[in-house]
Amino acid sequence: MINIPSTIRISFRALRVNKMRSALTMLGIIIGVGAVITMLAVGTGAKQKLGDQLASIGSNLIMIVPGSSAAGGVRMGAGTQSTLSISDADAIQKECPAVLYVAPVHSGSAQVVYGNQNWATSITGTTTNMLSVRDWPLTGGRPFSDEEVRSAAKVCLLGQIVVDNLFGGINPIGQIIRIKNVPFTVIGILDTKGQDPTGRDQDDTIYVPITTAQKKLFGTAFPGMVRIIMVKAKSTEDLAAAEKQINELLRQRHHIGQNEEEDFTVRNLTQFMQAAEQQARVMALLLGAIASVSLLVGGIGIMNIMLVSVTERTREIGIRMAIGAKTWDIRLQFIIEALILSMIGGVAGIIVGISGSEILSMLAGWSTVVSPFSILLAFGFSALVGIFFGFYPAYKASLLDPIDALRYE
């Protein structure tokens, strides 16, 4: 019967005798496990950051942009022709069952002044529904009302970047700012959103009623025309139905024939989000796979060292077999030695991987997330590497003839 505790003690004693060789053998596993954890942390962090940015845009979103204009046979691209109106947005809200909220947008950029401070930012003219479309709460104050939209009231909601640059530590609610020399009363503060996937800071903006933007800030080529219409579907499952309903309604309202080109474009932003998330998942898996090569190299290193060890300890093996050690005693000893090297290297690699992730996060500014799954994966893989690559040297040692082994010099 195999005495496992005794075999483990013998294995530890053999590894202590050759401390330097054992340490160098573990180095490959340490580097491999550390690399796997660090790379998976980078990939997971990038995926999580992208997910947060995508979530900040809003869920179940559809964006409708105007069609293209043409001059002298040159087509200028989507959004260069004024074809969408507030009445289109109202019709979508009323006549498309799959649509939950609709918010038309008429935007531009302007210099904003408060006291002796000024800041250039984007101005978004929209309706009361925009906060629901974008899933964007307020941290203070209130949203503008339907009556303020109808009357083109000079009220505004400020993004956090604008608040920081104009007001510092002053409470902005109730203060008067000037946009293009037009006075506006601050009635609310938008919650922090951060950057969107394109890198644009969503907090660097001001929301005003869309009628105010059209009449008092940017004007329109035609009364009631807007630059885009944002739509929120009732659910992810309703997105396709919402797209179809919007297309059919706008073709009817714009008197577009069956074979005529549409003067608008409907874009499903959720599909873009899903594609970006898929790319992030692929990147995380790719980084993990590349790092796993280091573990493979470490396993080969263990096998090489253990084979050398078999040669160096041929006489020891012969003595053990001569005094009664069985084939599986010898085989198990070498497997345990390889497993011990892998597991100690795995623990050290976990420490290196977590430390490396933290250092990367601090020095490079990368978002890293060390997940328990990546730690278990790397550690489990290192144990399997020890067993797999330790088996052949153990098998070779167990086949030695005791008499030949005792004669070995």
Protein backbone atom coordinates (compact mmCIF):
# COMPACT_ATOMS: atom_id res chain seq x y z
CA MET A 1 0.00 0.00 0.00
CA ILE A 2 1.32 3.46 -0.95
CA ASN A 3 2.25 5.63 2.05
CA ILE A 4 1.29 9.05 0.71
CA PRO A 5 2.33 11.16 3.79
CA SER A 6 5.77 9.54 3.75
CA THR A 7 6.08 10.08 0.00
CA ILE A 8 5.19 13.77 0.42
CA ARG A 9 7.86 14.17 3.13
CA ILE A 10 10.46 12.53 0.89
CA SER A 11 9.45 14.81 -2.01
CA PHE A 12 9.79 17.96 0.11
CA ARG A 13 13.19 16.77 1.39
CA ALA A 14 14.39 16.20 -2.19
CA LEU A 15 13.27 19.67 -3.25
CA ARG A 16 14.96 21.32 -0.24
CA VAL A 17 18.26 19.64 -1.07
CA ASN A 18 18.30 21.50 -4.43
CA LYS A 19 16.80 24.86 -3.47
CA MET A 20 18.24 26.83 -6.40
CA ARG A 21 17.14 24.29 -8.97
CA SER A 22 13.66 24.12 -7.43
CA ALA A 23 13.38 27.93 -7.45
CA LEU A 24 14.45 28.18 -11.08
CA THR A 25 12.00 25.42 -12.01
CA MET A 26 9.14 27.30 -10.33
CA LEU A 27 10.09 30.54 -12.09
CA GLY A 28 8.41 29.49 -15.34
CA ILE A 29 5.17 28.68 -13.49
CA ILE A 30 5.33 31.94 -11.51
CA ILE A 31 5.73 33.97 -14.68
CA GLY A 32 3.00 31.97 -16.45
CA VAL A 33 0.40 32.27 -13.68
CA GLY A 34 1.24 35.93 -13.10
CA ALA A 35 0.94 36.67 -16.80
CA VAL A 36 -2.42 34.87 -17.09
CA ILE A 37 -3.90 36.75 -14.12
CA THR A 38 -2.53 40.13 -15.27
CA MET A 39 -3.68 39.74 -18.87
CA LEU A 40 -7.14 38.52 -17.85
CA ALA A 41 -7.35 41.44 -15.41
CA VAL A 42 -6.53 43.88 -18.23
CA GLY A 43 -9.06 42.25 -20.55
CA THR A 44 -11.79 42.07 -17.90
CA GLY A 45 -11.12 45.67 -16.87
CA ALA A 46 -11.36 46.87 -20.47
CA LYS A 47 -14.59 44.93 -20.95
CA GLN A 48 -16.09 46.33 -17.74
CA LYS A 49 -15.07 49.89 -18.63
CA LEU A 50 -16.59 49.55 -22.08
CA GLY A 51 -19.74 48.07 -20.56
CA ASP A 52 -20.02 51.02 -18.18
CA GLN A 53 -19.56 53.48 -21.06
CA LEU A 54 -22.17 51.69 -23.16
CA ALA A 55 -24.60 51.59 -20.23
CA SER A 56 -24.09 55.33 -19.71
CA ILE A 57 -25.49 56.03 -23.19
CA GLY A 58 -28.78 54.35 -22.31
CA SER A 59 -30.54 51.07 -23.05
CA ASN A 60 -32.72 49.99 -26.00
CA LEU A 61 -31.79 53.11 -27.95
CA ILE A 62 -32.61 53.99 -31.55
CA MET A 63 -31.28 57.13 -33.22
CA ILE A 64 -32.94 58.70 -36.27
CA VAL A 65 -30.81 61.07 -38.33
CA PRO A 66 -31.82 63.14 -41.38
CA GLY A 67 -30.98 62.11 -44.92
CA SER A 68 -28.19 63.39 -47.14
CA SER A 69 -28.15 66.42 -49.35
CA ALA A 70 -26.67 66.57 -52.84
CA ALA A 71 -25.11 69.39 -54.83
CA GLY A 72 -23.89 69.00 -58.42
CA GLY A 73 -24.10 65.24 -58.15
CA VAL A 74 -22.04 65.18 -54.93
CA ARG A 75 -23.83 63.50 -52.01
CA MET A 76 -22.86 65.04 -48.67
CA GLY A 77 -23.72 62.16 -46.32
CA ALA A 78 -26.33 61.47 -43.64
CA GLY A 79 -27.43 64.40 -41.52
CA THR A 80 -26.75 67.13 -44.09
CA GLN A 81 -30.40 67.66 -45.02
CA SER A 82 -33.16 68.94 -42.72
CA THR A 83 -35.86 66.28 -42.96
CA LEU A 84 -36.89 65.58 -39.35
CA SER A 85 -39.20 67.68 -37.22
CA ILE A 86 -40.71 67.87 -33.75
CA SER A 87 -44.02 66.73 -35.28
CA ASP A 88 -42.24 63.56 -36.52
CA ALA A 89 -41.11 62.89 -32.95
CA ASP A 90 -44.64 63.46 -31.62
CA ALA A 91 -46.06 61.07 -34.23
CA ILE A 92 -43.54 58.35 -33.35
CA GLN A 93 -44.47 58.68 -29.68
CA LYS A 94 -48.19 58.38 -30.40
CA GLU A 95 -48.32 55.86 -33.26
CA CYS A 96 -45.49 53.36 -32.62
CA PRO A 97 -46.59 50.80 -29.97
CA ALA A 98 -43.05 49.42 -29.45
CA VAL A 99 -41.68 52.86 -28.54
CA LEU A 100 -41.49 53.98 -24.90
CA TYR A 101 -39.99 57.49 -25.07
CA VAL A 102 -39.04 59.89 -27.86
CA ALA A 103 -36.80 62.96 -27.57
CA PRO A 104 -35.99 65.25 -30.52
CA VAL A 105 -32.61 67.02 -30.36
CA HIS A 106 -31.41 70.34 -31.78
CA SER A 107 -27.86 70.93 -30.64
CA GLY A 108 -24.83 73.14 -31.13
CA SER A 109 -21.83 74.60 -29.33
CA ALA A 110 -21.48 77.93 -27.54
CA GLN A 111 -19.46 79.89 -25.01
CA VAL A 112 -21.11 79.96 -21.58
CA VAL A 113 -20.43 82.73 -19.05
CA TYR A 114 -21.04 83.00 -15.31
CA GLY A 115 -19.58 86.02 -13.52
CA ASN A 116 -15.92 86.20 -14.55
CA GLN A 117 -15.80 82.50 -15.56
CA ASN A 118 -16.49 81.11 -19.03
CA TRP A 119 -16.50 77.70 -20.68
CA ALA A 120 -17.09 76.40 -24.23
CA THR A 121 -19.45 73.42 -24.26
CA SER A 122 -22.14 71.64 -26.25
CA ILE A 123 -25.73 72.84 -25.90
CA THR A 124 -28.43 70.18 -26.33
CA GLY A 125 -31.92 71.42 -27.05
CA THR A 126 -34.40 68.67 -26.24
CA THR A 127 -37.65 67.80 -24.45
CA THR A 128 -38.56 66.51 -21.00
CA ASN A 129 -38.32 62.90 -22.27
CA MET A 130 -34.56 63.04 -22.87
CA LEU A 131 -33.67 62.18 -19.27
CA SER A 132 -35.83 59.04 -19.54
CA VAL A 133 -34.44 58.14 -22.98
CA ARG A 134 -30.86 58.40 -21.70
CA ASP A 135 -31.55 56.95 -18.23
CA TRP A 136 -29.98 60.14 -16.87
CA PRO A 137 -31.01 61.19 -13.33
CA LEU A 138 -30.47 64.58 -11.71
CA THR A 139 -28.34 65.11 -8.60
CA GLY A 140 -30.06 68.38 -7.77
CA GLY A 141 -32.88 70.66 -8.88
CA ARG A 142 -35.58 69.59 -11.32
CA PRO A 143 -36.03 68.91 -15.05
CA PHE A 144 -37.72 71.47 -17.26
CA SER A 145 -41.47 71.02 -17.73
CA ASP A 146 -43.62 70.58 -20.84
CA GLU A 147 -44.88 74.13 -20.33
CA GLU A 148 -41.30 75.45 -20.34
CA VAL A 149 -40.69 73.59 -23.61
CA ARG A 150 -43.86 75.04 -25.21
CA SER A 151 -43.04 78.59 -24.06
CA ALA A 152 -39.31 78.39 -25.01
CA ALA A 153 -38.34 79.22 -21.43
CA LYS A 154 -34.75 80.25 -20.73
CA VAL A 155 -33.93 77.48 -18.26
CA CYS A 156 -31.16 74.87 -18.35
CA LEU A 157 -29.69 71.71 -16.84
CA LEU A 158 -25.91 71.58 -16.40
CA GLY A 159 -23.53 68.65 -16.79
CA GLN A 160 -20.99 68.13 -14.02
CA ILE A 161 -18.00 69.35 -16.09
CA VAL A 162 -19.76 72.65 -16.75
CA VAL A 163 -20.62 72.99 -13.05
CA ASP A 164 -17.00 72.40 -12.02
CA ASN A 165 -15.59 74.91 -14.50
CA LEU A 166 -18.12 77.69 -13.97
CA PHE A 167 -19.12 77.45 -10.33
CA GLY A 168 -16.41 75.61 -8.38
CA GLY A 169 -17.91 75.12 -4.92
CA ILE A 170 -20.95 77.38 -5.44
CA ASN A 171 -24.40 75.81 -5.66
CA PRO A 172 -25.51 76.53 -9.26
CA ILE A 173 -29.27 76.01 -8.70
CA GLY A 174 -31.06 79.31 -9.25
CA GLN A 175 -27.97 81.06 -10.68
CA ILE A 176 -28.04 82.94 -14.00
CA ILE A 177 -25.61 81.98 -16.78
CA ARG A 178 -25.31 83.49 -20.26
CA ILE A 179 -25.31 81.34 -23.39
CA LYS A 180 -24.56 83.41 -26.49
CA ASN A 181 -25.37 86.45 -24.33
CA VAL A 182 -28.84 85.06 -23.58
CA PRO A 183 -29.53 84.73 -19.82
CA PHE A 184 -30.57 81.26 -18.59
CA THR A 185 -31.62 80.16 -15.12
CA VAL A 186 -30.00 76.94 -13.86
CA ILE A 187 -32.77 74.66 -12.58
CA GLY A 188 -31.02 71.27 -12.37
CA ILE A 189 -27.71 69.37 -12.29
CA LEU A 190 -27.22 66.21 -14.36
CA ASP A 191 -25.66 63.17 -12.70
CA THR A 192 -22.15 62.13 -13.76
CA LYS A 193 -22.06 59.92 -16.88
CA GLY A 194 -18.38 59.87 -17.86
CA GLN A 195 -17.05 59.21 -21.35
CA ASP A 196 -19.00 57.43 -24.05
CA PRO A 197 -17.32 54.70 -26.20
CA THR A 198 -16.09 57.35 -28.67
CA GLY A 199 -14.19 59.16 -25.90
CA ARG A 200 -16.52 62.18 -25.74
CA ASP A 201 -17.18 63.45 -22.22
CA GLN A 202 -20.94 63.27 -21.76
CA ASP A 203 -20.82 65.54 -18.69
CA ASP A 204 -19.55 68.46 -20.75
CA THR A 205 -22.99 69.60 -21.89
CA ILE A 206 -25.97 71.80 -21.10
CA TYR A 207 -29.60 70.80 -21.71
CA VAL A 208 -32.13 73.47 -22.66
CA PRO A 209 -35.71 73.23 -24.00
CA ILE A 210 -35.62 72.39 -27.71
CA THR A 211 -37.83 75.36 -28.62
CA THR A 212 -35.41 77.67 -26.80
CA ALA A 213 -32.46 76.23 -28.76
CA GLN A 214 -34.35 76.70 -32.04
CA LYS A 215 -35.66 80.20 -31.44
CA LYS A 216 -33.02 81.89 -29.27
CA LEU A 217 -29.71 80.09 -29.76
CA PHE A 218 -29.14 78.25 -33.06
CA GLY A 219 -32.14 78.88 -35.27
CA THR A 220 -33.45 76.44 -37.91
CA ALA A 221 -33.59 76.39 -41.68
CA PHE A 222 -37.26 75.50 -41.40
CA PRO A 223 -39.57 75.98 -38.38
CA GLY A 224 -39.71 72.93 -36.11
CA MET A 225 -36.82 71.07 -37.79
CA VAL A 226 -34.48 69.04 -35.56
CA ARG A 227 -31.08 67.46 -36.06
CA ILE A 228 -31.74 63.99 -34.64
CA ILE A 229 -34.49 62.08 -32.84
CA MET A 230 -33.59 59.76 -29.96
CA VAL A 231 -35.96 56.85 -29.30
CA LYS A 232 -36.11 54.36 -26.42
CA ALA A 233 -37.86 51.07 -27.19
CA LYS A 234 -39.96 49.35 -24.54
CA SER A 235 -37.49 46.45 -24.32
CA THR A 236 -34.61 44.82 -26.16
CA GLU A 237 -37.09 42.40 -27.74
CA ASP A 238 -39.11 45.36 -29.08
CA LEU A 239 -36.16 47.00 -30.87
CA ALA A 240 -36.75 45.31 -34.23
CA ALA A 241 -40.47 46.08 -34.09
CA ALA A 242 -39.76 49.70 -33.12
CA GLU A 243 -37.35 50.12 -36.06
CA LYS A 244 -39.92 48.72 -38.48
CA GLN A 245 -42.74 50.88 -37.11
CA ILE A 246 -40.58 54.05 -37.25
CA ASN A 247 -39.50 53.34 -40.83
CA GLU A 248 -43.06 52.75 -42.01
CA LEU A 249 -44.41 55.82 -40.21
CA LEU A 250 -41.73 58.22 -41.45
CA ARG A 251 -41.97 56.97 -45.04
CA GLN A 252 -45.69 57.64 -44.87
CA ARG A 253 -45.29 61.09 -43.27
CA HIS A 254 -42.53 62.14 -45.71
CA HIS A 255 -44.51 60.83 -48.73
CA ILE A 256 -41.76 58.46 -49.83
CA GLY A 257 -42.76 56.02 -52.56
CA GLN A 258 -42.04 52.31 -52.54
CA ASN A 259 -38.93 52.51 -54.73
CA GLU A 260 -37.74 55.92 -53.54
CA GLU A 261 -34.75 56.43 -51.25
CA GLU A 262 -35.50 57.32 -47.63
CA ASP A 263 -34.63 60.84 -46.47
CA PHE A 264 -33.73 59.58 -42.99
CA THR A 265 -31.65 56.81 -41.38
CA VAL A 266 -32.69 54.68 -38.40
CA ARG A 267 -29.76 53.33 -36.33
CA ASN A 268 -30.03 50.71 -33.61
CA LEU A 269 -27.45 51.70 -31.00
CA THR A 270 -27.96 48.48 -29.03
CA GLN A 271 -26.50 46.45 -31.90
CA PHE A 272 -23.42 48.66 -31.79
CA MET A 273 -23.18 48.06 -28.02
CA GLN A 274 -23.45 44.30 -28.42
CA ALA A 275 -20.77 44.27 -31.14
CA ALA A 276 -18.43 46.33 -28.95
CA GLU A 277 -19.00 44.03 -25.96
CA GLN A 278 -18.28 40.99 -28.16
CA GLN A 279 -15.00 42.57 -29.27
CA ALA A 280 -14.07 43.18 -25.62
CA ARG A 281 -14.79 39.53 -24.75
CA VAL A 282 -12.66 38.32 -27.67
CA MET A 283 -9.80 40.60 -26.57
CA ALA A 284 -9.97 39.25 -23.00
CA LEU A 285 -9.87 35.65 -24.26
CA LEU A 286 -7.02 36.44 -26.65
CA LEU A 287 -4.92 38.03 -23.90
CA GLY A 288 -5.57 35.03 -21.65
CA ALA A 289 -4.62 32.59 -24.40
CA ILE A 290 -1.36 34.45 -25.10
CA ALA A 291 -0.48 34.46 -21.41
CA SER A 292 -1.27 30.72 -21.15
CA VAL A 293 1.68 30.03 -23.45
CA SER A 294 3.91 31.08 -20.55
CA LEU A 295 2.34 28.36 -18.41
CA LEU A 296 3.03 25.81 -21.14
CA VAL A 297 6.67 26.89 -21.27
CA GLY A 298 6.84 26.64 -17.49
CA GLY A 299 5.46 23.09 -17.65
CA ILE A 300 8.08 22.08 -20.19
CA GLY A 301 10.70 23.54 -17.85
CA ILE A 302 9.41 21.36 -15.01
CA MET A 303 9.59 18.26 -17.21
CA ASN A 304 13.15 19.03 -18.29
CA ILE A 305 14.36 19.61 -14.74
CA MET A 306 12.60 16.49 -13.46
CA LEU A 307 14.21 14.41 -16.23
CA VAL A 308 17.61 15.75 -15.20
CA SER A 309 16.69 14.97 -11.61
CA VAL A 310 15.89 11.36 -12.53
CA THR A 311 19.35 11.01 -14.05
CA GLU A 312 21.08 12.61 -11.06
CA ARG A 313 19.13 10.52 -8.54
CA THR A 314 19.40 7.16 -10.28
CA ARG A 315 21.39 5.64 -7.40
CA GLU A 316 18.88 6.98 -4.83
CA ILE A 317 16.02 5.44 -6.82
CA GLY A 318 17.89 2.13 -6.95
CA ILE A 319 18.41 2.10 -3.16
CA ARG A 320 14.70 2.84 -2.52
CA MET A 321 13.60 0.08 -4.87
CA ALA A 322 16.12 -2.36 -3.37
CA ILE A 323 14.68 -1.86 0.13
CA GLY A 324 11.12 -2.45 -0.99
CA ALA A 325 9.78 0.66 -2.73
CA LYS A 326 7.24 -0.25 -5.39
CA THR A 327 6.94 1.12 -8.91
CA TRP A 328 4.07 3.40 -7.90
CA ASP A 329 6.04 4.68 -4.86
CA ILE A 330 8.75 6.00 -7.17
CA ARG A 331 6.24 7.26 -9.73
CA LEU A 332 4.15 9.05 -7.10
CA GLN A 333 7.22 10.68 -5.54
CA PHE A 334 8.21 12.38 -8.78
CA ILE A 335 4.62 13.36 -9.60
CA ILE A 336 4.26 14.91 -6.12
CA GLU A 337 7.54 16.79 -6.54
CA ALA A 338 6.33 18.23 -9.85
CA LEU A 339 2.95 19.06 -8.31
CA ILE A 340 4.55 20.79 -5.31
CA LEU A 341 6.72 22.89 -7.63
CA SER A 342 3.66 23.84 -9.70
CA MET A 343 1.45 24.70 -6.74
CA ILE A 344 4.07 26.77 -4.89
CA GLY A 345 4.84 28.48 -8.19
CA GLY A 346 1.08 28.98 -8.69
CA VAL A 347 0.66 30.69 -5.31
CA ALA A 348 3.66 32.92 -5.97
CA GLY A 349 2.29 33.61 -9.48
CA ILE A 350 -1.07 34.70 -8.04
CA ILE A 351 0.73 37.24 -5.85
CA VAL A 352 2.78 38.42 -8.85
CA GLY A 353 -0.33 38.64 -11.05
CA ILE A 354 -2.38 40.66 -8.54
CA SER A 355 0.58 42.96 -7.85
CA GLY A 356 1.25 43.37 -11.57
CA SER A 357 -2.39 44.29 -12.19
CA GLU A 358 -2.28 46.94 -9.47
CA ILE A 359 1.00 48.36 -10.79
CA LEU A 360 -0.37 48.53 -14.36
CA SER A 361 -3.48 50.27 -13.09
CA MET A 362 -1.43 52.88 -11.21
CA LEU A 363 1.35 53.52 -13.73
CA ALA A 364 -0.44 53.11 -17.08
CA GLY A 365 -3.88 54.23 -15.92
CA TRP A 366 -5.47 51.07 -17.31
CA SER A 367 -8.64 49.71 -15.81
CA THR A 368 -7.87 46.24 -14.39
CA VAL A 369 -10.20 43.81 -12.61
CA VAL A 370 -8.78 40.66 -10.98
CA SER A 371 -11.64 38.16 -10.84
CA PRO A 372 -11.75 35.04 -8.61
CA PHE A 373 -12.35 33.04 -11.79
CA SER A 374 -9.01 34.11 -13.29
CA ILE A 375 -7.19 33.18 -10.05
CA LEU A 376 -8.82 29.73 -9.89
CA LEU A 377 -8.23 29.20 -13.61
CA ALA A 378 -4.53 30.08 -13.43
CA PHE A 379 -3.93 28.10 -10.23
CA GLY A 380 -5.86 25.06 -11.47
CA PHE A 381 -4.03 25.15 -14.77
CA SER A 382 -0.66 25.31 -13.00
CA ALA A 383 -1.57 22.20 -10.95
CA LEU A 384 -2.58 20.35 -14.12
CA VAL A 385 0.68 21.41 -15.76
CA GLY A 386 2.61 19.90 -12.85
CA ILE A 387 0.76 16.60 -13.06
CA PHE A 388 0.89 16.42 -16.87
CA PHE A 389 4.56 17.31 -17.32
CA GLY A 390 5.63 15.48 -14.18
CA PHE A 391 4.18 12.17 -15.29
CA TYR A 392 6.77 11.24 -17.93
CA PRO A 393 9.83 11.79 -15.68
CA ALA A 394 8.00 9.86 -12.93
CA TYR A 395 7.17 7.07 -15.35
CA LYS A 396 10.76 6.91 -16.57
CA ALA A 397 12.09 6.77 -13.00
CA SER A 398 9.71 3.95 -12.05
CA LEU A 399 10.98 1.77 -14.93
CA LEU A 400 14.61 1.79 -13.77
CA ASP A 401 16.05 -1.60 -12.95
CA PRO A 402 17.14 -1.64 -9.26
CA ILE A 403 20.44 -3.46 -9.97
CA ASP A 404 21.38 -1.12 -12.85
CA ALA A 405 20.38 1.87 -10.73
CA LEU A 406 22.62 0.73 -7.81
CA ARG A 407 25.58 0.37 -10.21
CA TYR A 408 24.99 3.85 -11.68
CA GLU A 409 27.77 6.37 -11.00
